[in-house]
Amino acid sequence: MDAIGYFSGYCPQFKERRCIEIGFAEVSLIGSMSPEYKKMSFRCQDIDACTQLDSYGRCPIYVKAPHHP
């Protein structure tokens, strides 16, 4: 991972605000002078108990997180 960020949001599983860790990779886009980032992974301490993951195994907080650290 090129960068780690933290994002908090409402967790529908636990019905409260939670914070997750997100791993980002730096990507180069043609014509862009500044680096861009892509969300690659996330860590949540309660992932094993979560029933709110989408069909790709992504947490709702991760899906709503910005695409930069």
C-alpha atoms as a PDB file:
ATOM      1  CA  MET A   1       0.000   0.000   0.000  1.00  0.00           C
ATOM      2  CA  ASP A   2       1.144   3.496  -0.782  1.00  0.00           C
ATOM      3  CA  ALA A   3      -0.947   5.244   1.871  1.00  0.00           C
ATOM      4  CA  ILE A   4      -3.157   4.445   4.822  1.00  0.00           C
ATOM      5  CA  GLY A   5      -6.131   6.569   5.783  1.00  0.00           C
ATOM      6  CA  TYR A   6      -8.925   6.446   8.313  1.00  0.00           C
ATOM      7  CA  PHE A   7     -12.550   7.187   7.627  1.00  0.00           C
ATOM      8  CA  SER A   8     -15.504   7.213   9.946  1.00  0.00           C
ATOM      9  CA  GLY A   9     -19.153   6.912   9.117  1.00  0.00           C
ATOM     10  CA  TYR A  10     -22.420   5.403  10.182  1.00  0.00           C
ATOM     11  CA  CYS A  11     -22.281   1.619  10.504  1.00  0.00           C
ATOM     12  CA  PRO A  12     -25.664   0.022   9.749  1.00  0.00           C
ATOM     13  CA  GLN A  13     -24.552  -3.230  11.400  1.00  0.00           C
ATOM     14  CA  PHE A  14     -23.922  -1.704  14.824  1.00  0.00           C
ATOM     15  CA  LYS A  15     -26.135   1.370  14.346  1.00  0.00           C
ATOM     16  CA  GLU A  16     -23.410   3.769  15.422  1.00  0.00           C
ATOM     17  CA  ARG A  17     -20.517   5.769  14.045  1.00  0.00           C
ATOM     18  CA  ARG A  18     -17.411   3.600  13.397  1.00  0.00           C
ATOM     19  CA  CYS A  19     -13.928   4.206  12.034  1.00  0.00           C
ATOM     20  CA  ILE A  20     -12.168   1.919   9.554  1.00  0.00           C
ATOM     21  CA  GLU A  21      -8.634   1.851   8.147  1.00  0.00           C
ATOM     22  CA  ILE A  22      -8.343   2.115   4.362  1.00  0.00           C
ATOM     23  CA  GLY A  23      -5.343   1.169   2.229  1.00  0.00           C
ATOM     24  CA  PHE A  24      -4.724   3.267  -0.889  1.00  0.00           C
ATOM     25  CA  ALA A  25      -2.539   2.693  -3.931  1.00  0.00           C
ATOM     26  CA  GLU A  26      -1.107   5.631  -5.848  1.00  0.00           C
ATOM     27  CA  VAL A  27      -1.988   5.516  -9.526  1.00  0.00           C
ATOM     28  CA  SER A  28      -0.679   7.609 -12.403  1.00  0.00           C
ATOM     29  CA  LEU A  29      -3.193   8.989 -14.854  1.00  0.00           C
ATOM     30  CA  ILE A  30      -2.158  10.308 -18.243  1.00  0.00           C
ATOM     31  CA  GLY A  31      -2.310  14.093 -18.271  1.00  0.00           C
ATOM     32  CA  SER A  32      -2.539  14.437 -14.495  1.00  0.00           C
ATOM     33  CA  MET A  33       0.278  16.280 -12.741  1.00  0.00           C
ATOM     34  CA  SER A  34      -0.755  15.258  -9.238  1.00  0.00           C
ATOM     35  CA  PRO A  35      -0.988  11.695  -7.966  1.00  0.00           C
ATOM     36  CA  GLU A  36      -4.349   9.992  -7.818  1.00  0.00           C
ATOM     37  CA  TYR A  37      -5.296   7.230  -5.419  1.00  0.00           C
ATOM     38  CA  LYS A  38      -7.396   4.093  -5.546  1.00  0.00           C
ATOM     39  CA  LYS A  39      -8.978   2.466  -2.506  1.00  0.00           C
ATOM     40  CA  MET A  40      -7.602  -1.067  -2.292  1.00  0.00           C
ATOM     41  CA  SER A  41      -8.479  -2.552   1.087  1.00  0.00           C
ATOM     42  CA  PHE A  42     -10.005  -1.855   4.454  1.00  0.00           C
ATOM     43  CA  ARG A  43      -9.757  -3.119   8.009  1.00  0.00           C
ATOM     44  CA  CYS A  44     -12.547  -3.208  10.542  1.00  0.00           C
ATOM     45  CA  GLN A  45     -12.278  -4.941  13.893  1.00  0.00           C
ATOM     46  CA  ASP A  46     -15.803  -6.384  13.539  1.00  0.00           C
ATOM     47  CA  ILE A  47     -15.697  -7.579   9.922  1.00  0.00           C
ATOM     48  CA  ASP A  48     -16.338 -11.206  10.896  1.00  0.00           C
ATOM     49  CA  ALA A  49     -19.669 -10.279  12.511  1.00  0.00           C
ATOM     50  CA  CYS A  50     -20.829  -7.944   9.735  1.00  0.00           C
ATOM     51  CA  THR A  51     -23.875  -8.844   7.646  1.00  0.00           C
ATOM     52  CA  GLN A  52     -23.930  -5.530   5.749  1.00  0.00           C
ATOM     53  CA  LEU A  53     -21.129  -6.242   3.238  1.00  0.00           C
ATOM     54  CA  ASP A  54     -21.981  -5.844  -0.434  1.00  0.00           C
ATOM     55  CA  SER A  55     -21.595  -8.582  -3.056  1.00  0.00           C
ATOM     56  CA  TYR A  56     -17.881  -7.698  -3.360  1.00  0.00           C
ATOM     57  CA  GLY A  57     -17.296  -8.013   0.396  1.00  0.00           C
ATOM     58  CA  ARG A  58     -17.037  -4.265   0.920  1.00  0.00           C
ATOM     59  CA  CYS A  59     -18.162  -2.440   4.038  1.00  0.00           C
ATOM     60  CA  PRO A  60     -20.749   0.372   3.593  1.00  0.00           C
ATOM     61  CA  ILE A  61     -18.340   2.811   5.270  1.00  0.00           C
ATOM     62  CA  TYR A  62     -15.573   1.807   2.827  1.00  0.00           C
ATOM     63  CA  VAL A  63     -17.895   2.313  -0.156  1.00  0.00           C
ATOM     64  CA  LYS A  64     -18.747   5.853   0.992  1.00  0.00           C
ATOM     65  CA  ALA A  65     -15.151   6.806   1.825  1.00  0.00           C
ATOM     66  CA  PRO A  66     -13.327   9.274  -0.435  1.00  0.00           C
ATOM     67  CA  HIS A  67     -10.851   7.981  -3.023  1.00  0.00           C
ATOM     68  CA  HIS A  68      -7.867   9.701  -1.438  1.00  0.00           C
ATOM     69  CA  PRO A  69      -6.082   9.403   1.908  1.00  0.00           C
END
